[in-house]
Amino acid sequence: MTARRVVVLLVAVLLFYAVVIGRQGVELLGDHRWTVKALGIGVLLLPLVGAVLVAGEVRFGLATQRLGRALGPEDESAADTPADDEADPDEAFDRRADAVRQEPENWRAWYRLAMAYGDAHDTPRGRKAMRQAVRLEAAQRSSGPSPDAARAHDRD
């Protein structure tokens, strides 16, 4: 099952849950006791919290996908191949961590480091690195093209 199908399925489940729990919350609000009304408000907040969390994860996934597409065509050199294809994944990870240390403002380096963390099954650090890549790319996009991008465009 593709990631996109999983996301669609989870969003559909969240919507179903929101409708079912929302109806219960509305019923609780109709009770004359204030404690039951407070419980109804709490029940209505649950799907809202779930929707906010899911929306954040979907935005993160879309941003990650966008960075992967942006990096894909530029990432042809052997130094940038995924760690799975290399003889020594530890060496690839070290090289990617060094690239981040050398250029901490380079979203591409952070993206590659996040992928190396993923290859190492270190999801928390991989997500943290990917969030940094997303932030840096967004900042770069909002400030306009980088000098490197301008030079590459001039060569075309």
N, C-alpha and C. Protein backbone atom coordinates (compact mmCIF):
# COMPACT_ATOMS: atom_id res chain seq x y z
N MET A 1 0.85 -1.18 0.00
CA MET A 1 0.00 0.00 0.00
C MET A 1 0.90 1.24 0.00
N THR A 2 0.62 2.15 -0.89
CA THR A 2 1.44 3.36 -0.98
C THR A 2 1.15 4.31 0.17
N ALA A 3 2.10 5.19 0.41
CA ALA A 3 1.94 6.17 1.49
C ALA A 3 0.72 7.05 1.26
N ARG A 4 0.49 7.41 0.01
CA ARG A 4 -0.67 8.25 -0.30
C ARG A 4 -1.98 7.55 0.06
N ARG A 5 -2.06 6.27 -0.22
CA ARG A 5 -3.28 5.52 0.12
C ARG A 5 -3.46 5.42 1.63
N VAL A 6 -2.37 5.24 2.33
CA VAL A 6 -2.44 5.17 3.80
C VAL A 6 -2.95 6.50 4.34
N VAL A 7 -2.45 7.60 3.81
CA VAL A 7 -2.88 8.92 4.27
C VAL A 7 -4.36 9.12 3.99
N VAL A 8 -4.80 8.77 2.80
CA VAL A 8 -6.23 8.91 2.44
C VAL A 8 -7.08 8.06 3.38
N LEU A 9 -6.64 6.83 3.64
CA LEU A 9 -7.38 5.96 4.54
C LEU A 9 -7.44 6.55 5.95
N LEU A 10 -6.32 7.05 6.46
CA LEU A 10 -6.31 7.63 7.80
C LEU A 10 -7.17 8.88 7.90
N VAL A 11 -7.16 9.70 6.87
CA VAL A 11 -8.01 10.90 6.88
C VAL A 11 -9.48 10.49 6.84
N ALA A 12 -9.81 9.47 6.06
CA ALA A 12 -11.20 8.99 6.02
C ALA A 12 -11.63 8.45 7.38
N VAL A 13 -10.74 7.70 8.03
CA VAL A 13 -11.05 7.18 9.37
C VAL A 13 -11.23 8.34 10.34
N LEU A 14 -10.37 9.35 10.25
CA LEU A 14 -10.50 10.52 11.13
C LEU A 14 -11.85 11.22 10.91
N LEU A 15 -12.24 11.37 9.66
CA LEU A 15 -13.53 12.00 9.38
C LEU A 15 -14.69 11.19 9.94
N PHE A 16 -14.64 9.88 9.75
CA PHE A 16 -15.68 9.01 10.31
C PHE A 16 -15.72 9.15 11.83
N TYR A 17 -14.55 9.11 12.45
CA TYR A 17 -14.46 9.26 13.90
C TYR A 17 -15.01 10.61 14.33
N ALA A 18 -14.69 11.67 13.60
CA ALA A 18 -15.17 13.01 13.95
C ALA A 18 -16.68 13.08 13.91
N VAL A 19 -17.28 12.45 12.92
CA VAL A 19 -18.75 12.46 12.82
C VAL A 19 -19.37 11.67 13.97
N VAL A 20 -18.86 10.48 14.23
CA VAL A 20 -19.43 9.64 15.28
C VAL A 20 -19.25 10.30 16.64
N ILE A 21 -18.05 10.73 16.95
CA ILE A 21 -17.79 11.33 18.26
C ILE A 21 -18.45 12.70 18.36
N GLY A 22 -18.53 13.41 17.23
CA GLY A 22 -19.17 14.72 17.23
C GLY A 22 -20.65 14.62 17.59
N ARG A 23 -21.32 13.62 17.06
CA ARG A 23 -22.74 13.42 17.40
C ARG A 23 -22.91 13.16 18.89
N GLN A 24 -22.00 12.38 19.45
CA GLN A 24 -22.07 12.10 20.89
C GLN A 24 -21.81 13.38 21.70
N GLY A 25 -20.87 14.17 21.24
CA GLY A 25 -20.56 15.42 21.93
C GLY A 25 -21.74 16.38 21.91
N VAL A 26 -22.43 16.46 20.78
CA VAL A 26 -23.60 17.34 20.67
C VAL A 26 -24.71 16.85 21.59
N GLU A 27 -24.89 15.53 21.67
CA GLU A 27 -25.89 14.99 22.59
C GLU A 27 -25.57 15.34 24.03
N LEU A 28 -24.30 15.26 24.38
CA LEU A 28 -23.89 15.60 25.75
C LEU A 28 -24.11 17.09 26.04
N LEU A 29 -23.92 17.93 25.03
CA LEU A 29 -24.16 19.36 25.23
C LEU A 29 -25.63 19.66 25.52
N GLY A 30 -26.51 18.81 25.06
CA GLY A 30 -27.94 19.01 25.26
C GLY A 30 -28.42 18.66 26.67
N ASP A 31 -27.56 18.06 27.46
CA ASP A 31 -27.94 17.69 28.83
C ASP A 31 -27.99 18.94 29.71
N HIS A 32 -28.83 18.92 30.72
CA HIS A 32 -28.98 20.10 31.58
C HIS A 32 -27.87 20.22 32.64
N ARG A 33 -27.13 19.14 32.91
CA ARG A 33 -26.07 19.19 33.92
C ARG A 33 -24.80 19.80 33.32
N TRP A 34 -24.19 20.74 34.04
CA TRP A 34 -23.01 21.43 33.51
C TRP A 34 -21.81 20.50 33.38
N THR A 35 -21.69 19.49 34.24
CA THR A 35 -20.56 18.55 34.12
C THR A 35 -20.68 17.73 32.84
N VAL A 36 -21.88 17.36 32.47
CA VAL A 36 -22.09 16.60 31.24
C VAL A 36 -21.83 17.51 30.03
N LYS A 37 -22.24 18.78 30.14
CA LYS A 37 -21.96 19.75 29.06
C LYS A 37 -20.45 19.92 28.88
N ALA A 38 -19.72 20.00 30.00
CA ALA A 38 -18.25 20.13 29.94
C ALA A 38 -17.64 18.90 29.28
N LEU A 39 -18.17 17.74 29.60
CA LEU A 39 -17.71 16.50 28.96
C LEU A 39 -18.00 16.55 27.46
N GLY A 40 -19.15 17.08 27.08
CA GLY A 40 -19.50 17.23 25.66
C GLY A 40 -18.51 18.12 24.93
N ILE A 41 -18.11 19.22 25.58
CA ILE A 41 -17.12 20.11 24.96
C ILE A 41 -15.80 19.36 24.77
N GLY A 42 -15.41 18.61 25.80
CA GLY A 42 -14.18 17.81 25.69
C GLY A 42 -14.24 16.80 24.57
N VAL A 43 -15.37 16.15 24.46
CA VAL A 43 -15.56 15.15 23.40
C VAL A 43 -15.49 15.82 22.02
N LEU A 44 -16.05 17.02 21.89
CA LEU A 44 -16.00 17.73 20.61
C LEU A 44 -14.58 18.21 20.28
N LEU A 45 -13.77 18.45 21.31
CA LEU A 45 -12.39 18.90 21.06
C LEU A 45 -11.49 17.77 20.56
N LEU A 46 -11.81 16.54 20.90
CA LEU A 46 -10.97 15.41 20.48
C LEU A 46 -10.79 15.33 18.97
N PRO A 47 -11.85 15.35 18.18
CA PRO A 47 -11.63 15.29 16.73
C PRO A 47 -10.90 16.52 16.20
N LEU A 48 -11.11 17.66 16.85
CA LEU A 48 -10.41 18.88 16.43
C LEU A 48 -8.91 18.72 16.62
N VAL A 49 -8.52 18.20 17.78
CA VAL A 49 -7.10 17.96 18.04
C VAL A 49 -6.54 16.95 17.03
N GLY A 50 -7.29 15.89 16.78
CA GLY A 50 -6.87 14.90 15.80
C GLY A 50 -6.69 15.51 14.41
N ALA A 51 -7.62 16.36 14.02
CA ALA A 51 -7.54 17.00 12.70
C ALA A 51 -6.32 17.90 12.60
N VAL A 52 -6.03 18.64 13.66
CA VAL A 52 -4.85 19.51 13.66
C VAL A 52 -3.57 18.68 13.54
N LEU A 53 -3.50 17.59 14.28
CA LEU A 53 -2.32 16.72 14.20
C LEU A 53 -2.16 16.09 12.82
N VAL A 54 -3.24 15.59 12.28
CA VAL A 54 -3.19 14.97 10.96
C VAL A 54 -2.82 16.01 9.89
N ALA A 55 -3.39 17.20 9.98
CA ALA A 55 -3.07 18.25 9.01
C ALA A 55 -1.59 18.60 9.06
N GLY A 56 -1.03 18.67 10.26
CA GLY A 56 0.40 18.95 10.39
C GLY A 56 1.26 17.87 9.75
N GLU A 57 0.88 16.62 9.97
CA GLU A 57 1.63 15.52 9.38
C GLU A 57 1.49 15.48 7.85
N VAL A 58 0.31 15.78 7.36
CA VAL A 58 0.10 15.82 5.90
C VAL A 58 0.94 16.95 5.29
N ARG A 59 0.95 18.12 5.93
CA ARG A 59 1.78 19.22 5.43
C ARG A 59 3.26 18.83 5.43
N PHE A 60 3.71 18.18 6.50
CA PHE A 60 5.10 17.72 6.57
C PHE A 60 5.40 16.73 5.45
N GLY A 61 4.50 15.80 5.23
CA GLY A 61 4.69 14.82 4.16
C GLY A 61 4.74 15.47 2.78
N LEU A 62 3.86 16.42 2.54
CA LEU A 62 3.86 17.11 1.24
C LEU A 62 5.13 17.93 1.05
N ALA A 63 5.59 18.58 2.11
CA ALA A 63 6.82 19.37 2.03
C ALA A 63 8.01 18.45 1.77
N THR A 64 8.04 17.32 2.44
CA THR A 64 9.12 16.35 2.23
C THR A 64 9.10 15.83 0.80
N GLN A 65 7.92 15.55 0.29
CA GLN A 65 7.79 15.08 -1.09
C GLN A 65 8.27 16.15 -2.07
N ARG A 66 7.90 17.41 -1.81
CA ARG A 66 8.34 18.50 -2.68
C ARG A 66 9.86 18.61 -2.69
N LEU A 67 10.49 18.49 -1.53
CA LEU A 67 11.96 18.57 -1.47
C LEU A 67 12.59 17.41 -2.22
N GLY A 68 12.01 16.23 -2.06
CA GLY A 68 12.54 15.07 -2.79
C GLY A 68 12.48 15.25 -4.29
N ARG A 69 11.38 15.82 -4.77
CA ARG A 69 11.27 16.09 -6.22
C ARG A 69 12.26 17.16 -6.65
N ALA A 70 12.43 18.19 -5.82
CA ALA A 70 13.36 19.26 -6.16
C ALA A 70 14.79 18.76 -6.16
N LEU A 71 15.11 17.86 -5.28
CA LEU A 71 16.47 17.34 -5.18
C LEU A 71 16.74 16.29 -6.24
N GLY A 72 15.73 15.53 -6.62
CA GLY A 72 15.90 14.41 -7.54
C GLY A 72 16.72 14.69 -8.78
N PRO A 73 16.31 15.61 -9.65
CA PRO A 73 17.04 15.82 -10.89
C PRO A 73 18.45 16.38 -10.67
N GLU A 74 18.66 17.11 -9.58
CA GLU A 74 19.97 17.70 -9.31
C GLU A 74 20.92 16.69 -8.70
N ASP A 75 20.41 15.60 -8.20
CA ASP A 75 21.16 14.70 -7.35
C ASP A 75 21.68 13.51 -8.13
N GLU A 76 22.48 13.75 -9.16
CA GLU A 76 22.92 12.68 -10.04
C GLU A 76 24.29 12.12 -9.69
N SER A 77 25.09 12.83 -8.92
CA SER A 77 26.46 12.38 -8.67
C SER A 77 26.48 11.17 -7.75
N ALA A 78 27.55 10.42 -7.81
CA ALA A 78 27.68 9.21 -6.99
C ALA A 78 27.70 9.55 -5.51
N ALA A 79 28.15 10.73 -5.15
CA ALA A 79 28.22 11.13 -3.74
C ALA A 79 26.84 11.29 -3.14
N ASP A 80 25.84 11.44 -3.99
CA ASP A 80 24.50 11.71 -3.49
C ASP A 80 23.56 10.52 -3.60
N THR A 81 24.07 9.36 -3.91
CA THR A 81 23.20 8.20 -4.01
C THR A 81 22.76 7.76 -2.63
N PRO A 82 21.62 7.11 -2.53
CA PRO A 82 21.14 6.68 -1.21
C PRO A 82 22.13 5.76 -0.52
N ALA A 83 22.15 5.82 0.81
CA ALA A 83 23.09 5.03 1.60
C ALA A 83 22.91 3.53 1.36
N ASP A 84 21.69 3.09 1.01
CA ASP A 84 21.44 1.66 0.77
C ASP A 84 22.31 1.12 -0.35
N ASP A 85 22.66 1.96 -1.33
CA ASP A 85 23.39 1.51 -2.49
C ASP A 85 24.89 1.51 -2.25
N GLU A 86 25.34 1.98 -1.13
CA GLU A 86 26.76 2.11 -0.89
C GLU A 86 27.27 0.92 -0.10
N ALA A 87 28.58 0.64 -0.24
CA ALA A 87 29.17 -0.49 0.45
C ALA A 87 29.15 -0.29 1.97
N ASP A 88 29.39 0.93 2.43
CA ASP A 88 29.46 1.20 3.86
C ASP A 88 28.47 2.30 4.24
N PRO A 89 27.29 1.93 4.75
CA PRO A 89 26.29 2.94 5.12
C PRO A 89 26.78 3.89 6.20
N ASP A 90 27.64 3.39 7.12
CA ASP A 90 28.19 4.27 8.17
C ASP A 90 29.04 5.38 7.56
N GLU A 91 29.80 5.02 6.55
CA GLU A 91 30.63 6.02 5.87
C GLU A 91 29.75 7.05 5.15
N ALA A 92 28.70 6.59 4.53
CA ALA A 92 27.76 7.51 3.86
C ALA A 92 27.11 8.43 4.87
N PHE A 93 26.71 7.87 6.03
CA PHE A 93 26.10 8.70 7.07
C PHE A 93 27.10 9.76 7.55
N ASP A 94 28.34 9.33 7.82
CA ASP A 94 29.36 10.29 8.28
C ASP A 94 29.59 11.39 7.25
N ARG A 95 29.61 11.02 5.98
CA ARG A 95 29.82 12.01 4.92
C ARG A 95 28.66 13.01 4.89
N ARG A 96 27.46 12.53 5.09
CA ARG A 96 26.29 13.42 5.08
C ARG A 96 26.26 14.31 6.32
N ALA A 97 26.65 13.76 7.46
CA ALA A 97 26.72 14.58 8.68
C ALA A 97 27.81 15.65 8.53
N ASP A 98 28.93 15.30 7.90
CA ASP A 98 30.00 16.28 7.65
C ASP A 98 29.51 17.38 6.71
N ALA A 99 28.72 17.01 5.71
CA ALA A 99 28.19 18.00 4.78
C ALA A 99 27.30 19.00 5.50
N VAL A 100 26.52 18.54 6.47
CA VAL A 100 25.67 19.43 7.25
C VAL A 100 26.53 20.34 8.12
N ARG A 101 27.59 19.79 8.71
CA ARG A 101 28.48 20.62 9.53
C ARG A 101 29.17 21.69 8.69
N GLN A 102 29.53 21.35 7.45
CA GLN A 102 30.21 22.30 6.57
C GLN A 102 29.25 23.36 6.04
N GLU A 103 28.03 22.98 5.74
CA GLU A 103 27.03 23.91 5.20
C GLU A 103 25.72 23.77 5.98
N PRO A 104 25.65 24.33 7.20
CA PRO A 104 24.44 24.15 8.01
C PRO A 104 23.20 24.84 7.45
N GLU A 105 23.36 25.72 6.48
CA GLU A 105 22.21 26.41 5.90
C GLU A 105 21.76 25.78 4.57
N ASN A 106 22.32 24.65 4.21
CA ASN A 106 22.02 23.97 2.95
C ASN A 106 20.92 22.93 3.20
N TRP A 107 19.72 23.20 2.67
CA TRP A 107 18.61 22.28 2.89
C TRP A 107 18.87 20.93 2.25
N ARG A 108 19.61 20.92 1.15
CA ARG A 108 19.90 19.64 0.47
C ARG A 108 20.73 18.72 1.38
N ALA A 109 21.71 19.30 2.06
CA ALA A 109 22.54 18.52 2.98
C ALA A 109 21.68 17.97 4.13
N TRP A 110 20.78 18.78 4.65
CA TRP A 110 19.90 18.32 5.72
C TRP A 110 18.96 17.22 5.22
N TYR A 111 18.46 17.37 4.00
CA TYR A 111 17.58 16.35 3.43
C TYR A 111 18.33 15.02 3.32
N ARG A 112 19.54 15.07 2.80
CA ARG A 112 20.33 13.84 2.65
C ARG A 112 20.64 13.22 4.02
N LEU A 113 20.92 14.07 5.01
CA LEU A 113 21.17 13.56 6.36
C LEU A 113 19.90 12.90 6.91
N ALA A 114 18.76 13.50 6.68
CA ALA A 114 17.50 12.91 7.13
C ALA A 114 17.29 11.54 6.49
N MET A 115 17.61 11.42 5.22
CA MET A 115 17.47 10.13 4.54
C MET A 115 18.45 9.11 5.13
N ALA A 116 19.65 9.56 5.48
CA ALA A 116 20.63 8.65 6.11
C ALA A 116 20.12 8.18 7.47
N TYR A 117 19.52 9.09 8.24
CA TYR A 117 18.91 8.68 9.50
C TYR A 117 17.82 7.64 9.25
N GLY A 118 17.02 7.86 8.21
CA GLY A 118 15.99 6.90 7.86
C GLY A 118 16.58 5.54 7.52
N ASP A 119 17.68 5.55 6.78
CA ASP A 119 18.35 4.29 6.44
C ASP A 119 18.85 3.58 7.69
N ALA A 120 19.21 4.37 8.71
CA ALA A 120 19.70 3.81 9.97
C ALA A 120 18.56 3.49 10.94
N HIS A 121 17.32 3.69 10.50
CA HIS A 121 16.12 3.44 11.32
C HIS A 121 16.07 4.32 12.58
N ASP A 122 16.62 5.53 12.46
CA ASP A 122 16.56 6.51 13.56
C ASP A 122 15.53 7.56 13.17
N THR A 123 14.26 7.20 13.32
CA THR A 123 13.17 8.05 12.87
C THR A 123 13.11 9.40 13.57
N PRO A 124 13.25 9.48 14.89
CA PRO A 124 13.16 10.81 15.53
C PRO A 124 14.20 11.80 15.00
N ARG A 125 15.43 11.36 14.88
CA ARG A 125 16.47 12.27 14.36
C ARG A 125 16.26 12.56 12.88
N GLY A 126 15.77 11.56 12.14
CA GLY A 126 15.48 11.78 10.73
C GLY A 126 14.39 12.82 10.53
N ARG A 127 13.34 12.75 11.33
CA ARG A 127 12.26 13.74 11.22
C ARG A 127 12.75 15.12 11.61
N LYS A 128 13.59 15.19 12.63
CA LYS A 128 14.13 16.48 13.06
C LYS A 128 15.00 17.09 11.95
N ALA A 129 15.83 16.26 11.33
CA ALA A 129 16.66 16.75 10.23
C ALA A 129 15.80 17.16 9.03
N MET A 130 14.74 16.39 8.76
CA MET A 130 13.87 16.72 7.63
C MET A 130 13.12 18.02 7.89
N ARG A 131 12.68 18.23 9.13
CA ARG A 131 12.01 19.49 9.46
C ARG A 131 12.96 20.67 9.26
N GLN A 132 14.23 20.48 9.60
CA GLN A 132 15.22 21.53 9.37
C GLN A 132 15.39 21.78 7.87
N ALA A 133 15.41 20.72 7.08
CA ALA A 133 15.53 20.87 5.63
C ALA A 133 14.33 21.64 5.08
N VAL A 134 13.14 21.32 5.56
CA VAL A 134 11.92 22.00 5.11
C VAL A 134 11.98 23.48 5.48
N ARG A 135 12.40 23.78 6.72
CA ARG A 135 12.51 25.19 7.15
C ARG A 135 13.51 25.96 6.29
N LEU A 136 14.67 25.36 6.05
CA LEU A 136 15.70 26.05 5.27
C LEU A 136 15.26 26.27 3.82
N GLU A 137 14.61 25.25 3.25
CA GLU A 137 14.15 25.39 1.86
C GLU A 137 13.07 26.46 1.76
N ALA A 138 12.18 26.50 2.74
CA ALA A 138 11.12 27.52 2.73
C ALA A 138 11.72 28.91 2.87
N ALA A 139 12.72 29.06 3.72
CA ALA A 139 13.38 30.35 3.88
C ALA A 139 14.09 30.75 2.59
N GLN A 140 14.73 29.80 1.95
CA GLN A 140 15.42 30.07 0.68
C GLN A 140 14.42 30.46 -0.40
N ARG A 141 13.31 29.73 -0.45
CA ARG A 141 12.29 30.02 -1.46
C ARG A 141 11.70 31.41 -1.26
N SER A 142 11.49 31.80 0.00
CA SER A 142 10.88 33.11 0.27
C SER A 142 11.86 34.25 0.04
N SER A 143 13.16 33.97 0.10
CA SER A 143 14.15 35.03 -0.11
C SER A 143 14.60 35.12 -1.57
N GLY A 144 14.11 34.25 -2.40
CA GLY A 144 14.47 34.29 -3.81
C GLY A 144 15.52 33.25 -4.15
N PRO A 145 15.90 33.18 -5.42
CA PRO A 145 16.86 32.16 -5.84
C PRO A 145 18.24 32.43 -5.25
N SER A 146 18.94 31.34 -4.95
CA SER A 146 20.30 31.46 -4.43
C SER A 146 21.26 31.80 -5.55
N PRO A 147 22.46 32.31 -5.24
CA PRO A 147 23.44 32.60 -6.28
C PRO A 147 23.80 31.36 -7.10
N ASP A 148 23.86 30.18 -6.43
CA ASP A 148 24.15 28.94 -7.17
C ASP A 148 23.07 28.64 -8.20
N ALA A 149 21.81 28.83 -7.80
CA ALA A 149 20.70 28.57 -8.72
C ALA A 149 20.73 29.55 -9.88
N ALA A 150 21.08 30.79 -9.61
CA ALA A 150 21.16 31.79 -10.67
C ALA A 150 22.26 31.42 -11.65
N ARG A 151 23.42 30.96 -11.13
CA ARG A 151 24.51 30.55 -12.02
C ARG A 151 24.11 29.34 -12.85
N ALA A 152 23.42 28.40 -12.25
CA ALA A 152 22.98 27.20 -12.98
C ALA A 152 21.99 27.60 -14.07
N HIS A 153 21.11 28.56 -13.77
CA HIS A 153 20.15 29.02 -14.75
C HIS A 153 20.87 29.73 -15.92
N ASP A 154 21.92 30.50 -15.62
CA ASP A 154 22.68 31.19 -16.65
C ASP A 154 23.37 30.21 -17.59
N ARG A 155 23.80 29.06 -17.07
CA ARG A 155 24.47 28.06 -17.90
C ARG A 155 23.51 27.40 -18.88
N ASP A 156 22.22 27.33 -18.53
CA ASP A 156 21.23 26.64 -19.38
C ASP A 156 20.92 27.39 -20.61
